[in-house]
């Protein structure tokens, strides 16, 4: 059950981390607040996270309160590296070598492992599951906070539950101002979509089965050299508790209704309605830009069609479309390769069914 995130009289302080001196000041302030059992919004390379001491159940409860997040949706735990991973998770002996190889390749970075939890991790963090999701952020501010605190941080995205993930400090303020004591402004996020989440399964073959639970910046193509990749089915509203964050059928949604098209001819405008288009490349030959007299058009990777660029701009552009006053946002489909798989996944969860 989610609870109200309002905290009467609380004002959110914003500290910049633009220079080395500002960063030291901001990190020290964040660590002080975290040690007092409070929450802090911090930049990561994917999206801004709302962080609390992962081993403090009371502090983690404040994450759920600020986000109005249901308690059945688990949090990701962020660690400083392989050594701290062993404080919160059990690495099965048969998977230790491949996890070391994956961590060596992608840590610090946007890859999250789902592993058996240790009892040091409170139930509220794992939503009572026997597993915990763990990653190591490469953002210098987040890394510095974890190092200085000396403890793992539980940090889902710094927005209210179900809405668009924040990739800038201004987006965090729009979501959580007055709900949290501190936001560290580390500029725009470099990846733009949440981390890739995997669960590994040992097999009778030399390489494991890699279950892709949430697509992200570490792509299927990158993972294939470490094992066979299997994509987890999307949860339906009738399914049970999610195994990891970001698996719910409705998520990452703007307030404005969003429709994801499979092909241009699927669009039939209603008289009197105002429409905006979310376009991949903004090219007429793709069949969408000239389909309608759109009230607003936002292009993620103008002309070039570079999926990493599209991913970096994705949530920022989705917020801009949500604020432009149209009745419906219409999105082109995105290539389901590379990080395009993650963009298409987020759009499916944001779309009106």
Protein backbone atom coordinates (compact mmCIF):
# COMPACT_ATOMS: atom_id res chain seq x y z
CA UNK A 1 0.00 0.00 0.00
CA UNK A 2 1.28 3.47 -0.87
CA UNK A 3 1.03 6.34 1.62
CA UNK A 4 0.97 10.10 1.20
CA UNK A 5 4.38 11.65 0.58
CA UNK A 6 3.57 15.17 1.79
CA UNK A 7 5.58 16.52 4.75
CA UNK A 8 4.11 19.84 5.93
CA UNK A 9 6.69 22.60 6.38
CA UNK A 10 9.52 20.70 4.68
CA UNK A 11 11.55 22.69 2.16
CA UNK A 12 13.83 20.94 -0.29
CA UNK A 13 17.38 22.32 -0.34
CA UNK A 14 19.19 22.13 -3.69
CA UNK A 15 22.98 21.93 -3.73
CA UNK A 16 24.96 22.12 -6.96
CA UNK A 17 27.78 19.68 -7.72
CA UNK A 18 29.13 21.68 -10.64
CA UNK A 19 32.67 22.27 -9.34
CA UNK A 20 34.98 20.11 -7.19
CA UNK A 21 34.43 22.38 -4.19
CA UNK A 22 30.65 22.36 -4.65
CA UNK A 23 30.74 18.58 -5.02
CA UNK A 24 32.63 18.11 -1.74
CA UNK A 25 30.12 20.34 0.05
CA UNK A 26 27.13 18.57 -1.49
CA UNK A 27 28.51 15.08 -0.78
CA UNK A 28 29.21 15.98 2.86
CA UNK A 29 25.69 17.39 3.27
CA UNK A 30 24.14 14.30 1.65
CA UNK A 31 26.09 11.91 3.85
CA UNK A 32 25.13 13.85 6.98
CA UNK A 33 21.43 13.67 6.08
CA UNK A 34 21.65 9.97 5.18
CA UNK A 35 23.32 9.20 8.51
CA UNK A 36 20.36 10.84 10.24
CA UNK A 37 18.00 8.37 8.58
CA UNK A 38 16.72 10.75 5.91
CA UNK A 39 16.45 10.58 2.12
CA UNK A 40 18.42 12.48 -0.52
CA UNK A 41 17.93 12.81 -4.29
CA UNK A 42 21.19 12.10 -6.11
CA UNK A 43 22.25 11.98 -9.75
CA UNK A 44 23.23 8.68 -11.32
CA UNK A 45 24.29 7.99 -14.90
CA UNK A 46 20.81 6.59 -15.68
CA UNK A 47 18.21 8.75 -13.90
CA UNK A 48 18.16 10.67 -10.62
CA UNK A 49 17.69 8.37 -7.63
CA UNK A 50 16.02 8.88 -4.26
CA UNK A 51 18.55 7.41 -1.86
CA UNK A 52 18.37 6.09 1.70
CA UNK A 53 20.64 3.88 3.78
CA UNK A 54 19.73 0.45 2.45
CA UNK A 55 20.29 -1.20 5.83
CA UNK A 56 18.00 1.23 7.71
CA UNK A 57 14.38 0.10 7.38
CA UNK A 58 13.03 3.38 8.78
CA UNK A 59 14.98 5.45 6.26
CA UNK A 60 13.85 3.23 3.38
CA UNK A 61 10.24 3.65 4.49
CA UNK A 62 10.66 7.38 3.80
CA UNK A 63 11.57 6.54 0.18
CA UNK A 64 8.24 4.77 -0.24
CA UNK A 65 6.41 7.65 1.46
CA UNK A 66 8.02 10.39 -0.64
CA UNK A 67 7.36 8.51 -3.89
CA UNK A 68 3.93 7.19 -2.81
CA UNK A 69 5.32 3.86 -3.96
CA UNK A 70 3.49 0.62 -3.14
CA UNK A 71 5.36 -1.57 -0.67
CA UNK A 72 5.21 -4.61 -2.98
CA UNK A 73 7.60 -2.95 -5.48
CA UNK A 74 11.23 -3.71 -4.46
CA UNK A 75 14.12 -1.22 -4.51
CA UNK A 76 17.54 -1.47 -6.12
CA UNK A 77 20.50 -1.41 -3.73
CA UNK A 78 23.57 0.51 -4.87
CA UNK A 79 27.01 -0.59 -3.68
CA UNK A 80 30.54 0.73 -4.06
CA UNK A 81 31.73 -2.42 -5.81
CA UNK A 82 32.24 -6.17 -5.61
CA UNK A 83 33.30 -6.16 -1.94
CA UNK A 84 30.18 -4.32 -0.77
CA UNK A 85 28.05 -6.61 -2.96
CA UNK A 86 28.96 -9.44 -0.59
CA UNK A 87 27.49 -7.44 2.32
CA UNK A 88 23.98 -7.49 0.86
CA UNK A 89 23.80 -10.52 -1.46
CA UNK A 90 24.89 -14.13 -1.73
CA UNK A 91 26.80 -14.86 -4.93
CA UNK A 92 26.25 -18.55 -5.75
CA UNK A 93 29.54 -20.38 -6.28
CA UNK A 94 28.45 -21.63 -9.70
CA UNK A 95 27.81 -18.04 -10.86
CA UNK A 96 30.70 -16.28 -9.14
CA UNK A 97 33.05 -16.34 -12.14
CA UNK A 98 30.53 -14.95 -14.63
CA UNK A 99 29.34 -12.28 -12.19
CA UNK A 100 32.95 -11.24 -11.72
CA UNK A 101 33.34 -11.01 -15.51
CA UNK A 102 30.12 -9.02 -15.93
CA UNK A 103 31.00 -6.70 -13.06
CA UNK A 104 34.47 -6.26 -14.53
CA UNK A 105 32.93 -5.26 -17.85
CA UNK A 106 29.97 -3.13 -16.72
CA UNK A 107 30.63 -1.99 -13.13
CA UNK A 108 30.52 0.73 -12.16
CA UNK A 109 27.69 1.23 -14.61
CA UNK A 110 24.04 0.58 -15.49
CA UNK A 111 23.83 -3.19 -14.90
CA UNK A 112 21.79 -4.59 -11.99
CA UNK A 113 22.09 -8.18 -10.73
CA UNK A 114 19.25 -10.00 -8.97
CA UNK A 115 20.79 -12.31 -6.36
CA UNK A 116 19.78 -14.12 -3.17
CA UNK A 117 19.62 -11.54 -0.40
CA UNK A 118 21.44 -11.50 2.90
CA UNK A 119 19.39 -10.95 6.04
CA UNK A 120 21.19 -7.64 6.62
CA UNK A 121 18.88 -6.18 3.95
CA UNK A 122 15.50 -5.18 5.46
CA UNK A 123 12.31 -6.75 4.12
CA UNK A 124 11.01 -3.33 3.05
CA UNK A 125 13.87 -3.02 0.53
CA UNK A 126 13.20 -6.39 -1.13
CA UNK A 127 9.39 -6.23 -0.68
CA UNK A 128 9.75 -9.46 1.29
CA UNK A 129 11.35 -11.34 -1.61
CA UNK A 130 14.24 -13.75 -1.13
CA UNK A 131 16.29 -11.80 -3.69
CA UNK A 132 17.82 -8.34 -3.86
CA UNK A 133 18.63 -6.20 -6.92
CA UNK A 134 22.14 -4.70 -6.75
CA UNK A 135 24.21 -2.37 -8.91
CA UNK A 136 27.16 0.04 -8.70
CA UNK A 137 26.67 3.53 -10.15
CA UNK A 138 29.47 5.22 -12.07
CA UNK A 139 28.24 8.78 -11.45
CA UNK A 140 31.00 10.59 -9.52
CA UNK A 141 28.57 12.21 -7.05
CA UNK A 142 26.73 8.98 -6.27
CA UNK A 143 30.00 7.06 -6.02
CA UNK A 144 31.41 9.64 -3.62
CA UNK A 145 28.35 9.51 -1.38
CA UNK A 146 28.41 5.70 -1.13
CA UNK A 147 32.16 5.73 -0.41
CA UNK A 148 31.90 8.42 2.26
CA UNK A 149 28.84 6.85 3.89
CA UNK A 150 30.47 3.40 3.79
CA UNK A 151 27.09 1.71 3.44
CA UNK A 152 24.89 0.63 0.52
CA UNK A 153 22.11 2.91 -0.68
CA UNK A 154 18.61 1.92 -1.73
CA UNK A 155 17.72 4.30 -4.56
CA UNK A 156 14.77 4.02 -6.93
CA UNK A 157 14.09 6.85 -9.38
CA UNK A 158 13.45 10.24 -7.73
CA UNK A 159 9.87 10.75 -8.91
CA UNK A 160 6.40 9.92 -7.70
CA UNK A 161 5.43 6.33 -8.37
CA UNK A 162 4.43 5.48 -11.94
CA UNK A 163 5.27 8.85 -13.47
CA UNK A 164 8.09 9.85 -15.83
CA UNK A 165 11.59 9.19 -14.48
CA UNK A 166 13.72 12.33 -13.86
CA UNK A 167 16.94 12.93 -15.77
CA UNK A 168 17.55 16.47 -14.44
CA UNK A 169 17.39 18.25 -11.10
CA UNK A 170 14.48 20.39 -12.30
CA UNK A 171 12.47 17.24 -13.05
CA UNK A 172 13.15 15.98 -9.51
CA UNK A 173 11.93 19.28 -8.06
CA UNK A 174 8.76 19.09 -10.15
CA UNK A 175 8.08 15.67 -8.62
CA UNK A 176 9.38 15.79 -5.05
CA UNK A 177 9.78 19.42 -3.93
CA UNK A 178 8.63 19.66 -0.32
CA UNK A 179 8.79 15.88 0.09
CA UNK A 180 12.54 15.44 0.60
CA UNK A 181 15.14 17.51 2.50
CA UNK A 182 17.94 17.61 -0.09
CA UNK A 183 18.55 17.34 -3.83
CA UNK A 184 22.09 17.30 -5.23
CA UNK A 185 22.14 18.80 -8.73
CA UNK A 186 24.72 16.93 -10.77
CA UNK A 187 23.47 18.04 -14.18
CA UNK A 188 21.81 15.93 -16.84
CA UNK A 189 22.08 12.12 -16.69
CA UNK A 190 24.32 10.58 -19.34
CA UNK A 191 22.35 7.40 -20.13
CA UNK A 192 18.75 8.60 -19.81
CA UNK A 193 16.99 5.29 -19.06
CA UNK A 194 17.14 3.06 -16.00
CA UNK A 195 19.66 0.26 -15.59
CA UNK A 196 19.47 -3.13 -17.24
CA UNK A 197 18.34 -5.79 -14.74
CA UNK A 198 19.40 -9.43 -15.11
CA UNK A 199 19.08 -12.67 -13.19
CA UNK A 200 21.61 -15.39 -13.97
CA UNK A 201 20.84 -19.11 -14.05
CA UNK A 202 23.53 -21.77 -14.11
CA UNK A 203 23.11 -24.44 -16.77
CA UNK A 204 24.97 -27.59 -17.83
CA UNK A 205 26.70 -25.48 -20.46
CA UNK A 206 29.85 -23.38 -19.89
CA UNK A 207 27.86 -20.13 -20.08
CA UNK A 208 24.78 -19.29 -17.96
CA UNK A 209 21.28 -18.32 -19.00
CA UNK A 210 20.85 -14.56 -18.60
CA UNK A 211 17.24 -13.61 -17.84
CA UNK A 212 16.68 -10.00 -18.99
CA UNK A 213 14.17 -8.67 -16.47
CA UNK A 214 14.35 -5.02 -17.56
CA UNK A 215 16.12 -3.74 -20.69
CA UNK A 216 18.42 -0.75 -20.34
CA UNK A 217 21.74 0.76 -21.45
CA UNK A 218 23.58 -2.58 -21.17
CA UNK A 219 22.00 -4.16 -24.21
CA UNK A 220 21.20 -7.71 -25.29
CA UNK A 221 23.99 -7.45 -27.84
CA UNK A 222 26.48 -6.60 -25.07
CA UNK A 223 25.31 -9.45 -22.84
CA UNK A 224 25.34 -12.21 -25.46
CA UNK A 225 29.04 -12.93 -25.15
CA UNK A 226 28.50 -13.84 -21.48
CA UNK A 227 25.60 -16.26 -21.98
CA UNK A 228 22.30 -16.95 -23.71
CA UNK A 229 19.88 -14.05 -23.13
CA UNK A 230 16.19 -14.73 -22.45
CA UNK A 231 13.74 -11.83 -22.25
CA UNK A 232 11.30 -12.05 -19.36
CA UNK A 233 7.60 -11.75 -20.30
CA UNK A 234 5.87 -8.52 -19.39
CA UNK A 235 3.66 -8.73 -16.31
CA UNK A 236 -0.08 -8.41 -16.81
CA UNK A 237 -2.38 -6.66 -14.30
CA UNK A 238 -3.44 -10.12 -13.11
CA UNK A 239 0.11 -11.26 -12.37
CA UNK A 240 1.56 -11.22 -8.91
CA UNK A 241 4.31 -9.22 -7.25
CA UNK A 242 7.10 -7.91 -9.52
CA UNK A 243 10.48 -9.58 -9.12
CA UNK A 244 12.32 -6.31 -9.71
CA UNK A 245 11.56 -2.60 -10.19
CA UNK A 246 10.14 -1.52 -13.56
CA UNK A 247 8.23 -4.74 -14.30
CA UNK A 248 4.73 -3.44 -13.62
CA UNK A 249 2.48 -3.27 -16.71
CA UNK A 250 1.74 0.44 -16.16
CA UNK A 251 4.75 2.62 -15.40
CA UNK A 252 6.84 5.59 -16.64
CA UNK A 253 3.57 7.29 -17.66
CA UNK A 254 2.91 10.97 -18.41
CA UNK A 255 -0.33 12.52 -17.16
CA UNK A 256 -1.34 13.03 -20.79
CA UNK A 257 -2.60 9.79 -22.42
CA UNK A 258 0.03 8.21 -24.64
CA UNK A 259 -0.53 5.91 -27.59
CA UNK A 260 2.25 3.79 -29.11
CA UNK A 261 1.73 3.06 -32.80
CA UNK A 262 2.93 -0.08 -34.56
CA UNK A 263 2.52 1.43 -38.06
CA UNK A 264 1.35 4.78 -39.50
CA UNK A 265 -2.05 3.50 -40.68
CA UNK A 266 -2.97 2.67 -37.06
CA UNK A 267 -3.47 6.40 -36.38
CA UNK A 268 -6.97 7.79 -36.90
CA UNK A 269 -7.40 11.24 -35.28
CA UNK A 270 -10.62 12.22 -33.56
CA UNK A 271 -12.14 15.58 -34.59
CA UNK A 272 -11.36 18.38 -32.16
CA UNK A 273 -8.55 16.57 -30.33
CA UNK A 274 -5.04 18.03 -30.14
CA UNK A 275 -2.18 15.61 -30.75
CA UNK A 276 1.58 15.67 -30.21
CA UNK A 277 4.06 13.33 -31.86
CA UNK A 278 7.07 11.67 -30.27
CA UNK A 279 9.33 10.92 -33.24
CA UNK A 280 12.52 8.90 -33.49
CA UNK A 281 14.27 10.67 -36.39
CA UNK A 282 11.74 13.27 -37.55
CA UNK A 283 11.97 12.04 -41.15
CA UNK A 284 9.07 12.06 -43.60
CA UNK A 285 10.14 8.72 -45.05
CA UNK A 286 9.36 7.01 -41.73
CA UNK A 287 5.70 7.80 -42.34
CA UNK A 288 4.70 9.62 -39.15
CA UNK A 289 5.74 13.30 -39.30
CA UNK A 290 3.46 14.07 -42.28
CA UNK A 291 0.66 11.82 -41.07
CA UNK A 292 -1.19 14.65 -39.30
CA UNK A 293 -1.03 18.37 -38.59
CA UNK A 294 0.51 17.78 -35.17
CA UNK A 295 0.18 20.47 -32.50
CA UNK A 296 3.65 19.57 -31.24
CA UNK A 297 6.46 17.37 -32.53
CA UNK A 298 9.48 16.32 -30.48
CA UNK A 299 12.32 14.38 -32.13
CA UNK A 300 14.69 12.21 -30.09
CA UNK A 301 17.53 11.82 -32.61
CA UNK A 302 17.01 14.27 -35.48
CA UNK A 303 17.97 12.83 -38.84
CA UNK A 304 20.67 10.48 -37.65
CA UNK A 305 18.56 7.98 -35.76
CA UNK A 306 21.13 7.22 -33.06
CA UNK A 307 19.48 5.13 -30.36
CA UNK A 308 21.88 6.14 -27.53
CA UNK A 309 21.08 9.80 -28.25
CA UNK A 310 17.37 8.98 -28.30
CA UNK A 311 17.68 7.24 -24.91
CA UNK A 312 19.45 10.23 -23.31
CA UNK A 313 16.68 12.58 -24.47
CA UNK A 314 13.75 10.20 -23.94
CA UNK A 315 12.39 11.12 -20.50
CA UNK A 316 13.24 14.83 -20.96
CA UNK A 317 11.26 14.96 -24.20
CA UNK A 318 8.40 12.94 -22.74
CA UNK A 319 8.11 15.51 -19.95
CA UNK A 320 8.09 18.34 -22.50
CA UNK A 321 5.26 16.67 -24.43
CA UNK A 322 3.33 16.10 -21.20
CA UNK A 323 3.52 19.84 -20.47
CA UNK A 324 2.50 21.13 -23.92
CA UNK A 325 -1.25 20.95 -23.35
CA UNK A 326 -2.35 18.41 -25.96
CA UNK A 327 -5.07 15.81 -25.46
CA UNK A 328 -2.94 12.82 -26.48
CA UNK A 329 0.70 11.98 -27.16
CA UNK A 330 1.28 9.67 -30.11
CA UNK A 331 4.60 7.83 -30.38
CA UNK A 332 6.33 6.22 -33.30
CA UNK A 333 7.65 2.70 -32.63
CA UNK A 334 11.38 2.36 -31.96
CA UNK A 335 13.77 -0.27 -33.32
CA UNK A 336 13.98 -3.12 -30.82
CA UNK A 337 17.75 -3.39 -30.98
CA UNK A 338 20.40 -1.97 -28.70
CA UNK A 339 19.00 0.54 -26.21
CA UNK A 340 15.96 0.90 -28.50
CA UNK A 341 14.60 -2.18 -26.71
CA UNK A 342 14.61 -0.20 -23.45
CA UNK A 343 12.88 2.81 -25.06
CA UNK A 344 10.17 0.60 -26.57
CA UNK A 345 9.73 -1.16 -23.21
CA UNK A 346 9.18 2.17 -21.41
CA UNK A 347 6.73 3.32 -24.10
CA UNK A 348 4.67 0.13 -23.83
CA UNK A 349 4.38 0.62 -20.08
CA UNK A 350 3.47 4.29 -20.50
CA UNK A 351 0.87 3.69 -23.21
CA UNK A 352 -2.87 3.55 -22.71
CA UNK A 353 -4.03 -0.03 -23.06
